[in-house]
């Protein structure tokens, strides 16, 4: 079963995060879609994801994870020692999400916005839905 990562297609940090995941996911556990895409919009409706969610979302086993929960569930499936980050799931969600929200709130200021999405090579392109 594939997991779907929804991301902000205009955000440089989000794009870098997708590139990070792709490099550490040789088993291709994840598919990707921009929140702004038609697929992203359909999935937001299907999984009742609020319109104000504008950062990373993970859809896995019929459930949508947002904010720090999404990031930690993604880390759990990555190669290397990244899966150890999942231990932070033990930190109460309000604390984890406060840190996540701080980064998310400042991501455009720190990393900028994209005018256009990158065009991945064909072997990677098939992972974008």
N, C-alpha and C. Protein backbone atom coordinates (compact mmCIF):
# COMPACT_ATOMS: atom_id res chain seq x y z
N UNK A 1 0.83 -1.19 0.00
CA UNK A 1 0.00 0.00 0.00
C UNK A 1 0.87 1.25 0.00
N UNK A 2 0.61 2.14 -0.94
CA UNK A 2 1.38 3.38 -1.03
C UNK A 2 0.87 4.41 -0.05
N UNK A 3 1.78 5.21 0.41
CA UNK A 3 1.45 6.34 1.27
C UNK A 3 1.56 7.59 0.40
N UNK A 4 0.69 8.54 0.63
CA UNK A 4 0.68 9.77 -0.18
C UNK A 4 1.10 10.95 0.69
N UNK A 5 2.08 11.69 0.20
CA UNK A 5 2.55 12.90 0.86
C UNK A 5 2.00 14.09 0.07
N UNK A 6 1.20 14.91 0.73
CA UNK A 6 0.73 16.17 0.15
C UNK A 6 1.64 17.27 0.67
N UNK A 7 2.03 18.18 -0.21
CA UNK A 7 2.97 19.23 0.17
C UNK A 7 2.59 20.54 -0.50
N UNK A 8 3.07 21.63 0.05
CA UNK A 8 2.85 22.96 -0.51
C UNK A 8 3.77 23.12 -1.72
N UNK A 9 3.21 23.13 -2.90
CA UNK A 9 3.98 23.20 -4.14
C UNK A 9 4.66 24.53 -4.37
N UNK A 10 4.35 25.54 -3.59
CA UNK A 10 4.96 26.87 -3.76
C UNK A 10 6.11 27.12 -2.81
N UNK A 11 6.35 26.19 -1.90
CA UNK A 11 7.30 26.42 -0.81
C UNK A 11 8.63 25.74 -1.09
N UNK A 12 9.71 26.50 -1.06
CA UNK A 12 11.06 25.95 -1.28
C UNK A 12 11.41 24.91 -0.21
N UNK A 13 11.06 25.18 1.04
CA UNK A 13 11.36 24.23 2.11
C UNK A 13 10.60 22.92 1.89
N UNK A 14 9.34 23.02 1.48
CA UNK A 14 8.54 21.82 1.22
C UNK A 14 9.12 21.03 0.05
N UNK A 15 9.56 21.75 -0.99
CA UNK A 15 10.20 21.09 -2.13
C UNK A 15 11.47 20.37 -1.67
N UNK A 16 12.26 21.03 -0.85
CA UNK A 16 13.48 20.40 -0.32
C UNK A 16 13.12 19.19 0.53
N UNK A 17 12.02 19.26 1.25
CA UNK A 17 11.58 18.13 2.07
C UNK A 17 11.20 16.94 1.18
N UNK A 18 10.51 17.20 0.08
CA UNK A 18 10.15 16.14 -0.86
C UNK A 18 11.42 15.52 -1.44
N UNK A 19 12.39 16.35 -1.82
CA UNK A 19 13.66 15.83 -2.35
C UNK A 19 14.37 14.97 -1.29
N UNK A 20 14.33 15.41 -0.05
CA UNK A 20 14.92 14.67 1.06
C UNK A 20 14.28 13.29 1.18
N UNK A 21 12.94 13.25 1.13
CA UNK A 21 12.22 11.98 1.24
C UNK A 21 12.57 11.07 0.06
N UNK A 22 12.54 11.63 -1.15
CA UNK A 22 12.84 10.82 -2.34
C UNK A 22 14.20 10.15 -2.25
N UNK A 23 15.21 10.87 -1.76
CA UNK A 23 16.56 10.32 -1.67
C UNK A 23 16.66 9.21 -0.64
N UNK A 24 15.78 9.20 0.34
CA UNK A 24 15.86 8.24 1.44
C UNK A 24 14.73 7.20 1.39
N UNK A 25 14.07 7.12 0.24
CA UNK A 25 12.95 6.20 0.06
C UNK A 25 13.15 5.34 -1.20
N UNK A 26 14.24 4.56 -1.24
CA UNK A 26 14.48 3.74 -2.44
C UNK A 26 13.41 2.67 -2.65
N UNK A 27 12.71 2.28 -1.61
CA UNK A 27 11.63 1.30 -1.74
C UNK A 27 10.35 1.92 -2.29
N UNK A 28 10.36 3.23 -2.50
CA UNK A 28 9.21 3.96 -3.06
C UNK A 28 7.94 3.74 -2.24
N UNK A 29 8.05 3.93 -0.93
CA UNK A 29 6.88 3.83 -0.06
C UNK A 29 5.91 4.98 -0.32
N UNK A 30 6.45 6.12 -0.79
CA UNK A 30 5.65 7.34 -0.87
C UNK A 30 5.36 7.78 -2.30
N UNK A 31 4.14 8.25 -2.50
CA UNK A 31 3.76 9.00 -3.69
C UNK A 31 3.56 10.44 -3.24
N UNK A 32 3.58 11.37 -4.19
CA UNK A 32 3.54 12.79 -3.84
C UNK A 32 2.51 13.53 -4.68
N UNK A 33 1.89 14.53 -4.07
CA UNK A 33 0.99 15.43 -4.78
C UNK A 33 1.03 16.79 -4.10
N UNK A 34 1.00 17.81 -4.89
CA UNK A 34 0.94 19.17 -4.35
C UNK A 34 -0.46 19.42 -3.78
N UNK A 35 -0.51 20.14 -2.67
CA UNK A 35 -1.81 20.51 -2.09
C UNK A 35 -2.64 21.32 -3.08
N UNK A 36 -1.95 22.08 -3.96
CA UNK A 36 -2.64 22.96 -4.90
C UNK A 36 -3.11 22.22 -6.17
N UNK A 37 -2.68 20.98 -6.35
CA UNK A 37 -3.04 20.23 -7.56
C UNK A 37 -4.47 19.72 -7.46
N UNK A 38 -4.99 19.27 -8.60
CA UNK A 38 -6.33 18.70 -8.63
C UNK A 38 -6.39 17.47 -7.71
N UNK A 39 -5.38 16.62 -7.78
CA UNK A 39 -5.32 15.43 -6.92
C UNK A 39 -5.28 15.85 -5.45
N UNK A 40 -4.44 16.84 -5.14
CA UNK A 40 -4.34 17.33 -3.77
C UNK A 40 -5.68 17.84 -3.26
N UNK A 41 -6.37 18.60 -4.09
CA UNK A 41 -7.69 19.14 -3.70
C UNK A 41 -8.68 18.00 -3.45
N UNK A 42 -8.68 16.98 -4.32
CA UNK A 42 -9.59 15.84 -4.14
C UNK A 42 -9.29 15.10 -2.84
N UNK A 43 -8.00 14.88 -2.57
CA UNK A 43 -7.63 14.16 -1.35
C UNK A 43 -7.96 14.97 -0.10
N UNK A 44 -7.79 16.29 -0.18
CA UNK A 44 -8.16 17.14 0.97
C UNK A 44 -9.65 16.99 1.28
N UNK A 45 -10.48 16.96 0.24
CA UNK A 45 -11.92 16.78 0.46
C UNK A 45 -12.22 15.39 0.99
N UNK A 46 -11.62 14.37 0.37
CA UNK A 46 -11.88 12.98 0.75
C UNK A 46 -11.51 12.71 2.20
N UNK A 47 -10.41 13.29 2.66
CA UNK A 47 -9.93 13.02 4.02
C UNK A 47 -10.26 14.14 5.00
N UNK A 48 -11.13 15.08 4.58
CA UNK A 48 -11.61 16.17 5.43
C UNK A 48 -10.45 16.96 6.03
N UNK A 49 -9.49 17.30 5.20
CA UNK A 49 -8.34 18.10 5.63
C UNK A 49 -8.74 19.57 5.50
N UNK A 50 -8.68 20.32 6.58
CA UNK A 50 -9.10 21.72 6.54
C UNK A 50 -8.33 22.54 5.51
N UNK A 51 -8.99 23.54 4.95
CA UNK A 51 -8.36 24.39 3.94
C UNK A 51 -7.16 25.17 4.48
N UNK A 52 -7.13 25.40 5.80
CA UNK A 52 -6.01 26.17 6.35
C UNK A 52 -4.75 25.33 6.54
N UNK A 53 -4.81 24.03 6.27
CA UNK A 53 -3.61 23.19 6.32
C UNK A 53 -2.83 23.45 5.04
N UNK A 54 -1.64 24.02 5.20
CA UNK A 54 -0.86 24.39 4.02
C UNK A 54 0.57 23.84 4.08
N UNK A 55 0.77 22.85 4.92
CA UNK A 55 2.09 22.24 5.00
C UNK A 55 1.96 20.75 4.70
N UNK A 56 2.84 19.95 5.19
CA UNK A 56 2.90 18.54 4.80
C UNK A 56 1.77 17.72 5.43
N UNK A 57 1.21 16.81 4.63
CA UNK A 57 0.16 15.90 5.06
C UNK A 57 0.56 14.50 4.59
N UNK A 58 0.36 13.52 5.43
CA UNK A 58 0.60 12.13 5.03
C UNK A 58 -0.72 11.38 5.09
N UNK A 59 -1.04 10.71 3.99
CA UNK A 59 -2.22 9.84 3.95
C UNK A 59 -1.70 8.41 3.95
N UNK A 60 -2.08 7.69 4.99
CA UNK A 60 -1.57 6.33 5.18
C UNK A 60 -2.66 5.47 5.82
N UNK A 61 -2.93 4.33 5.24
CA UNK A 61 -3.92 3.38 5.77
C UNK A 61 -5.26 4.05 6.06
N UNK A 62 -5.71 4.89 5.14
CA UNK A 62 -7.02 5.52 5.27
C UNK A 62 -7.10 6.66 6.26
N UNK A 63 -5.96 7.12 6.75
CA UNK A 63 -5.95 8.21 7.73
C UNK A 63 -5.02 9.33 7.24
N UNK A 64 -5.39 10.56 7.54
CA UNK A 64 -4.56 11.71 7.19
C UNK A 64 -3.86 12.22 8.44
N UNK A 65 -2.54 12.30 8.37
CA UNK A 65 -1.73 12.86 9.44
C UNK A 65 -1.26 14.24 9.00
N UNK A 66 -1.25 15.18 9.93
CA UNK A 66 -0.79 16.53 9.62
C UNK A 66 0.33 16.94 10.57
N UNK A 67 0.98 18.01 10.21
CA UNK A 67 2.00 18.66 11.03
C UNK A 67 3.07 17.67 11.49
N UNK A 68 3.41 17.71 12.78
CA UNK A 68 4.51 16.88 13.29
C UNK A 68 4.20 15.39 13.17
N UNK A 69 2.94 15.02 13.30
CA UNK A 69 2.58 13.60 13.18
C UNK A 69 2.88 13.09 11.77
N UNK A 70 2.59 13.90 10.76
CA UNK A 70 2.91 13.52 9.38
C UNK A 70 4.42 13.37 9.20
N UNK A 71 5.18 14.35 9.68
CA UNK A 71 6.64 14.31 9.53
C UNK A 71 7.24 13.08 10.22
N UNK A 72 6.76 12.76 11.40
CA UNK A 72 7.31 11.63 12.14
C UNK A 72 6.93 10.29 11.51
N UNK A 73 5.71 10.18 11.00
CA UNK A 73 5.30 8.94 10.33
C UNK A 73 6.07 8.76 9.02
N UNK A 74 6.40 9.84 8.35
CA UNK A 74 7.24 9.76 7.15
C UNK A 74 8.64 9.29 7.54
N UNK A 75 9.21 9.91 8.56
CA UNK A 75 10.57 9.56 9.00
C UNK A 75 10.67 8.08 9.34
N UNK A 76 9.61 7.52 9.87
CA UNK A 76 9.60 6.11 10.28
C UNK A 76 9.89 5.17 9.11
N UNK A 77 9.57 5.57 7.87
CA UNK A 77 9.74 4.70 6.70
C UNK A 77 11.01 5.01 5.90
N UNK A 78 11.80 5.99 6.32
CA UNK A 78 12.99 6.38 5.55
C UNK A 78 14.18 5.49 5.88
N UNK A 79 15.05 5.32 4.88
CA UNK A 79 16.29 4.58 5.09
C UNK A 79 17.23 5.34 6.02
N UNK A 80 18.17 4.61 6.57
CA UNK A 80 19.12 5.22 7.49
C UNK A 80 18.53 5.25 8.90
N UNK A 81 19.07 6.13 9.70
CA UNK A 81 18.62 6.22 11.10
C UNK A 81 17.45 7.18 11.28
N UNK A 82 16.90 7.68 10.19
CA UNK A 82 15.80 8.65 10.27
C UNK A 82 14.60 8.08 11.00
N UNK A 83 14.41 6.76 10.94
CA UNK A 83 13.26 6.16 11.62
C UNK A 83 13.30 6.39 13.13
N UNK A 84 14.49 6.65 13.66
CA UNK A 84 14.60 6.91 15.11
C UNK A 84 13.88 8.19 15.52
N UNK A 85 13.70 9.11 14.59
CA UNK A 85 12.96 10.34 14.91
C UNK A 85 11.53 10.04 15.35
N UNK A 86 11.04 8.86 14.95
CA UNK A 86 9.67 8.51 15.33
C UNK A 86 9.50 8.45 16.85
N UNK A 87 10.60 8.31 17.57
CA UNK A 87 10.53 8.32 19.04
C UNK A 87 9.94 9.63 19.57
N UNK A 88 10.06 10.71 18.78
CA UNK A 88 9.49 12.00 19.20
C UNK A 88 7.96 11.96 19.24
N UNK A 89 7.36 10.88 18.74
CA UNK A 89 5.91 10.73 18.83
C UNK A 89 5.49 10.66 20.30
N UNK A 90 6.45 10.33 21.18
CA UNK A 90 6.18 10.28 22.62
C UNK A 90 6.03 11.67 23.24
N UNK A 91 6.56 12.68 22.57
CA UNK A 91 6.39 14.06 23.03
C UNK A 91 4.93 14.44 22.78
N UNK A 92 4.28 15.06 23.74
CA UNK A 92 2.87 15.44 23.54
C UNK A 92 2.68 16.26 22.26
N UNK A 93 1.63 15.91 21.54
CA UNK A 93 1.37 16.53 20.24
C UNK A 93 1.33 18.06 20.29
N UNK A 94 0.71 18.67 21.28
CA UNK A 94 0.71 20.15 21.29
C UNK A 94 2.12 20.75 21.30
N UNK A 95 3.05 20.11 21.98
CA UNK A 95 4.43 20.61 22.01
C UNK A 95 5.08 20.40 20.64
N UNK A 96 4.93 19.18 20.08
CA UNK A 96 5.50 18.89 18.76
C UNK A 96 4.94 19.84 17.72
N UNK A 97 3.62 20.04 17.74
CA UNK A 97 2.99 20.89 16.74
C UNK A 97 3.35 22.36 16.91
N UNK A 98 3.63 22.79 18.13
CA UNK A 98 4.06 24.17 18.34
C UNK A 98 5.39 24.43 17.63
N UNK A 99 6.31 23.49 17.75
CA UNK A 99 7.60 23.61 17.05
C UNK A 99 7.37 23.56 15.54
N UNK A 100 6.56 22.62 15.10
CA UNK A 100 6.25 22.48 13.68
C UNK A 100 5.62 23.77 13.14
N UNK A 101 4.66 24.33 13.88
CA UNK A 101 3.97 25.55 13.45
C UNK A 101 4.94 26.73 13.34
N UNK A 102 5.90 26.80 14.25
CA UNK A 102 6.88 27.89 14.21
C UNK A 102 7.68 27.83 12.91
N UNK A 103 8.14 26.65 12.56
CA UNK A 103 8.89 26.49 11.30
C UNK A 103 7.97 26.77 10.11
N UNK A 104 6.77 26.21 10.13
CA UNK A 104 5.83 26.38 9.02
C UNK A 104 5.47 27.86 8.82
N UNK A 105 5.30 28.57 9.91
CA UNK A 105 4.93 29.99 9.84
C UNK A 105 6.04 30.83 9.19
N UNK A 106 7.27 30.43 9.40
CA UNK A 106 8.41 31.20 8.90
C UNK A 106 9.05 30.64 7.64
N UNK A 107 8.50 29.57 7.09
CA UNK A 107 9.19 28.88 5.99
C UNK A 107 9.33 29.74 4.74
N UNK A 108 8.34 30.56 4.40
CA UNK A 108 8.48 31.41 3.21
C UNK A 108 9.55 32.47 3.44
N UNK A 109 9.57 33.03 4.66
CA UNK A 109 10.55 34.06 4.98
C UNK A 109 11.97 33.48 4.95
N UNK A 110 12.14 32.29 5.50
CA UNK A 110 13.47 31.68 5.60
C UNK A 110 13.92 31.03 4.29
N UNK A 111 13.00 30.40 3.57
CA UNK A 111 13.38 29.59 2.41
C UNK A 111 12.82 30.10 1.09
N UNK A 112 11.87 31.05 1.14
CA UNK A 112 11.31 31.63 -0.09
C UNK A 112 10.18 30.80 -0.67
N UNK A 113 9.64 31.32 -1.79
CA UNK A 113 8.56 30.66 -2.51
C UNK A 113 9.02 30.34 -3.91
N UNK A 114 8.40 29.34 -4.51
CA UNK A 114 8.74 28.94 -5.87
C UNK A 114 7.74 29.56 -6.85
N UNK A 115 8.24 29.92 -8.01
CA UNK A 115 7.35 30.38 -9.08
C UNK A 115 6.85 29.19 -9.90
N UNK A 116 7.67 28.13 -9.94
CA UNK A 116 7.31 26.94 -10.70
C UNK A 116 7.88 25.71 -10.00
N UNK A 117 7.24 24.59 -10.21
CA UNK A 117 7.71 23.34 -9.63
C UNK A 117 8.85 22.78 -10.46
N UNK A 118 9.72 22.03 -9.79
CA UNK A 118 10.79 21.37 -10.53
C UNK A 118 10.20 20.24 -11.35
N UNK A 119 10.84 19.91 -12.46
CA UNK A 119 10.41 18.82 -13.30
C UNK A 119 11.33 17.64 -13.04
N UNK A 120 10.85 16.64 -12.31
CA UNK A 120 11.72 15.52 -11.95
C UNK A 120 11.99 14.61 -13.15
N UNK A 121 13.06 13.82 -13.05
CA UNK A 121 13.33 12.86 -14.12
C UNK A 121 12.21 11.81 -14.19
N UNK A 122 12.07 11.12 -15.33
CA UNK A 122 10.94 10.19 -15.52
C UNK A 122 10.80 9.14 -14.42
N UNK A 123 11.89 8.59 -13.91
CA UNK A 123 11.78 7.54 -12.89
C UNK A 123 11.21 8.08 -11.58
N UNK A 124 11.40 9.37 -11.33
CA UNK A 124 10.84 10.01 -10.13
C UNK A 124 9.44 10.57 -10.45
N UNK A 125 9.25 11.05 -11.65
CA UNK A 125 7.98 11.67 -12.05
C UNK A 125 6.80 10.74 -11.82
N UNK A 126 7.00 9.43 -12.01
CA UNK A 126 5.88 8.49 -11.84
C UNK A 126 5.41 8.40 -10.40
N UNK A 127 6.18 8.96 -9.47
CA UNK A 127 5.78 8.95 -8.06
C UNK A 127 4.94 10.18 -7.68
N UNK A 128 4.75 11.08 -8.64
CA UNK A 128 3.92 12.27 -8.41
C UNK A 128 2.56 12.02 -9.05
N UNK A 129 1.51 12.19 -8.24
CA UNK A 129 0.16 11.89 -8.74
C UNK A 129 -0.66 13.15 -8.84
